[in-house]
C-alpha cells in the first residue's frame, strides 16, 4: 500500500495507526518494541522514528511505501 505524506515526516507509531496496521498508537508502539517492524529492510525499534518519503515500512507481512504529497 502507499501512504501519502502530508508533511516532512511521520512518526513510525503514527504511520502504523494511520494505515490501519495498528488499531491504536499504543498497539503500534508495542509492535515496534517487539521487533515486528522494519524500515528499508532494517529492524526499527525507535517508536517515533521519523519516516520520510521514499521509505518502505514492513509490518505483519504488509508493506507501506511512503510517497510525497
N, C-alpha and C. Protein backbone atom coordinates (compact mmCIF):
# COMPACT_ATOMS: atom_id res chain seq x y z
N UNK A 1 0.84 -1.18 0.00
CA UNK A 1 0.00 0.00 0.00
C UNK A 1 0.88 1.23 0.00
N UNK A 2 0.30 2.34 -0.42
CA UNK A 2 1.03 3.61 -0.40
C UNK A 2 0.42 4.52 0.67
N UNK A 3 1.29 5.31 1.30
CA UNK A 3 0.86 6.31 2.26
C UNK A 3 1.36 7.65 1.78
N UNK A 4 0.45 8.60 1.58
CA UNK A 4 0.83 9.92 1.10
C UNK A 4 1.21 10.81 2.28
N UNK A 5 2.45 11.24 2.28
CA UNK A 5 3.00 12.07 3.36
C UNK A 5 2.52 13.50 3.19
N UNK A 6 1.98 14.08 4.23
CA UNK A 6 1.47 15.46 4.15
C UNK A 6 2.48 16.49 4.63
N UNK A 7 3.45 16.06 5.39
CA UNK A 7 4.48 16.97 5.88
C UNK A 7 5.85 16.44 5.53
N UNK A 8 6.85 16.83 6.32
CA UNK A 8 8.22 16.38 6.06
C UNK A 8 8.42 14.93 6.47
N UNK A 9 7.74 14.51 7.55
CA UNK A 9 7.87 13.15 8.04
C UNK A 9 6.64 12.78 8.86
N UNK A 10 6.54 11.47 9.19
CA UNK A 10 5.51 10.98 10.09
C UNK A 10 6.19 10.04 11.08
N UNK A 11 5.76 10.08 12.33
CA UNK A 11 6.33 9.17 13.33
C UNK A 11 5.90 7.74 13.00
N UNK A 12 6.81 6.80 13.20
CA UNK A 12 6.55 5.41 12.84
C UNK A 12 5.30 4.87 13.52
N UNK A 13 5.13 5.12 14.80
CA UNK A 13 3.95 4.60 15.51
C UNK A 13 2.66 5.20 14.94
N UNK A 14 2.71 6.46 14.53
CA UNK A 14 1.54 7.10 13.91
C UNK A 14 1.25 6.52 12.53
N UNK A 15 2.29 6.21 11.78
CA UNK A 15 2.12 5.62 10.46
C UNK A 15 1.38 4.29 10.55
N UNK A 16 1.77 3.47 11.52
CA UNK A 16 1.10 2.16 11.68
C UNK A 16 -0.37 2.34 12.01
N UNK A 17 -0.69 3.36 12.80
CA UNK A 17 -2.08 3.63 13.14
C UNK A 17 -2.84 4.19 11.95
N UNK A 18 -2.26 5.14 11.25
CA UNK A 18 -2.93 5.80 10.12
C UNK A 18 -3.20 4.85 8.96
N UNK A 19 -2.37 3.82 8.80
CA UNK A 19 -2.56 2.87 7.72
C UNK A 19 -3.44 1.69 8.12
N UNK A 20 -3.84 1.63 9.40
CA UNK A 20 -4.72 0.57 9.85
C UNK A 20 -4.02 -0.72 10.24
N UNK A 21 -2.70 -0.73 10.19
CA UNK A 21 -1.98 -1.93 10.62
C UNK A 21 -2.10 -2.10 12.13
N UNK A 22 -2.06 -0.99 12.84
CA UNK A 22 -2.27 -1.00 14.29
C UNK A 22 -3.60 -0.31 14.59
N UNK A 23 -4.32 -0.83 15.57
CA UNK A 23 -5.60 -0.23 15.95
C UNK A 23 -5.43 1.08 16.69
N UNK A 24 -4.27 1.25 17.33
CA UNK A 24 -4.02 2.47 18.09
C UNK A 24 -2.52 2.76 18.08
N UNK A 25 -2.18 3.97 18.52
CA UNK A 25 -0.76 4.32 18.63
C UNK A 25 -0.05 3.43 19.63
N UNK A 26 -0.76 3.07 20.69
CA UNK A 26 -0.18 2.20 21.71
C UNK A 26 0.13 0.81 21.16
N UNK A 27 -0.78 0.28 20.35
CA UNK A 27 -0.53 -1.02 19.74
C UNK A 27 0.65 -0.93 18.77
N UNK A 28 0.72 0.19 18.03
CA UNK A 28 1.85 0.40 17.12
C UNK A 28 3.17 0.41 17.87
N UNK A 29 3.21 1.11 19.01
CA UNK A 29 4.43 1.16 19.82
C UNK A 29 4.81 -0.22 20.32
N UNK A 30 3.82 -1.03 20.70
CA UNK A 30 4.06 -2.39 21.17
C UNK A 30 4.66 -3.24 20.05
N UNK A 31 4.13 -3.11 18.83
CA UNK A 31 4.63 -3.87 17.69
C UNK A 31 6.07 -3.49 17.38
N UNK A 32 6.37 -2.20 17.47
CA UNK A 32 7.74 -1.72 17.22
C UNK A 32 8.68 -2.27 18.28
N UNK A 33 8.27 -2.19 19.55
CA UNK A 33 9.11 -2.68 20.66
C UNK A 33 9.38 -4.17 20.55
N UNK A 34 8.43 -4.92 19.98
CA UNK A 34 8.58 -6.37 19.83
C UNK A 34 9.40 -6.76 18.60
N UNK A 35 9.91 -5.78 17.85
CA UNK A 35 10.74 -6.08 16.71
C UNK A 35 9.98 -6.54 15.48
N UNK A 36 8.69 -6.20 15.39
CA UNK A 36 7.86 -6.64 14.27
C UNK A 36 7.90 -5.68 13.08
N UNK A 37 8.68 -4.60 13.18
CA UNK A 37 8.67 -3.56 12.15
C UNK A 37 10.07 -3.38 11.57
N UNK A 38 10.13 -3.27 10.23
CA UNK A 38 11.39 -2.92 9.58
C UNK A 38 11.18 -1.67 8.73
N UNK A 39 12.23 -0.89 8.60
CA UNK A 39 12.23 0.30 7.75
C UNK A 39 13.39 0.13 6.78
N UNK A 40 13.08 0.15 5.50
CA UNK A 40 14.08 -0.06 4.46
C UNK A 40 14.89 -1.34 4.71
N UNK A 41 14.20 -2.39 5.17
CA UNK A 41 14.83 -3.69 5.36
C UNK A 41 15.59 -3.88 6.66
N UNK A 42 15.65 -2.85 7.50
CA UNK A 42 16.37 -2.93 8.76
C UNK A 42 15.39 -2.87 9.94
N UNK A 43 15.60 -3.69 10.97
CA UNK A 43 14.71 -3.61 12.15
C UNK A 43 14.73 -2.20 12.74
N UNK A 44 13.57 -1.72 13.14
CA UNK A 44 13.47 -0.38 13.72
C UNK A 44 12.80 -0.49 15.08
N UNK A 45 13.47 -0.03 16.13
CA UNK A 45 12.92 -0.11 17.48
C UNK A 45 12.60 1.26 18.06
N UNK A 46 12.86 2.32 17.32
CA UNK A 46 12.51 3.66 17.81
C UNK A 46 11.05 3.93 17.48
N UNK A 47 10.24 4.07 18.49
CA UNK A 47 8.79 4.21 18.30
C UNK A 47 8.42 5.45 17.51
N UNK A 48 9.18 6.51 17.68
CA UNK A 48 8.84 7.77 16.99
C UNK A 48 9.86 8.08 15.89
N UNK A 49 10.45 7.04 15.30
CA UNK A 49 11.39 7.25 14.19
C UNK A 49 10.71 8.07 13.11
N UNK A 50 11.43 9.01 12.55
CA UNK A 50 10.87 9.88 11.51
C UNK A 50 10.91 9.16 10.17
N UNK A 51 9.74 8.86 9.65
CA UNK A 51 9.62 8.18 8.37
C UNK A 51 9.36 9.24 7.31
N UNK A 52 10.18 9.22 6.28
CA UNK A 52 10.13 10.24 5.23
C UNK A 52 9.75 9.60 3.89
N UNK A 53 9.50 10.44 2.90
CA UNK A 53 9.12 9.97 1.56
C UNK A 53 10.17 9.00 1.02
N UNK A 54 9.71 8.02 0.27
CA UNK A 54 10.52 7.00 -0.39
C UNK A 54 11.06 5.93 0.54
N UNK A 55 10.60 5.89 1.78
CA UNK A 55 10.99 4.81 2.68
C UNK A 55 9.93 3.72 2.62
N UNK A 56 10.36 2.49 2.89
CA UNK A 56 9.45 1.35 2.88
C UNK A 56 9.41 0.76 4.29
N UNK A 57 8.19 0.64 4.82
CA UNK A 57 7.97 0.09 6.15
C UNK A 57 7.25 -1.24 5.99
N UNK A 58 7.72 -2.26 6.70
CA UNK A 58 7.07 -3.56 6.67
C UNK A 58 6.69 -3.97 8.08
N UNK A 59 5.47 -4.53 8.20
CA UNK A 59 4.98 -5.00 9.50
C UNK A 59 3.88 -6.02 9.26
N UNK A 60 3.96 -7.15 9.95
CA UNK A 60 2.95 -8.20 9.86
C UNK A 60 2.67 -8.62 8.41
N UNK A 61 3.71 -8.71 7.60
CA UNK A 61 3.56 -9.14 6.22
C UNK A 61 3.01 -8.09 5.29
N UNK A 62 2.78 -6.89 5.78
CA UNK A 62 2.27 -5.82 4.94
C UNK A 62 3.38 -4.81 4.69
N UNK A 63 3.33 -4.19 3.51
CA UNK A 63 4.35 -3.21 3.12
C UNK A 63 3.70 -1.86 2.87
N UNK A 64 4.35 -0.82 3.38
CA UNK A 64 3.88 0.56 3.18
C UNK A 64 4.98 1.32 2.46
N UNK A 65 4.65 1.87 1.30
CA UNK A 65 5.57 2.77 0.59
C UNK A 65 5.12 4.19 0.90
N UNK A 66 6.02 4.96 1.49
CA UNK A 66 5.70 6.34 1.86
C UNK A 66 6.06 7.23 0.66
N UNK A 67 5.07 7.97 0.16
CA UNK A 67 5.28 8.82 -1.00
C UNK A 67 5.01 10.29 -0.64
N UNK A 68 5.69 11.19 -1.33
CA UNK A 68 5.49 12.62 -1.10
C UNK A 68 4.13 13.04 -1.63
N UNK A 69 3.52 14.03 -0.97
CA UNK A 69 2.21 14.52 -1.39
C UNK A 69 2.29 15.25 -2.71
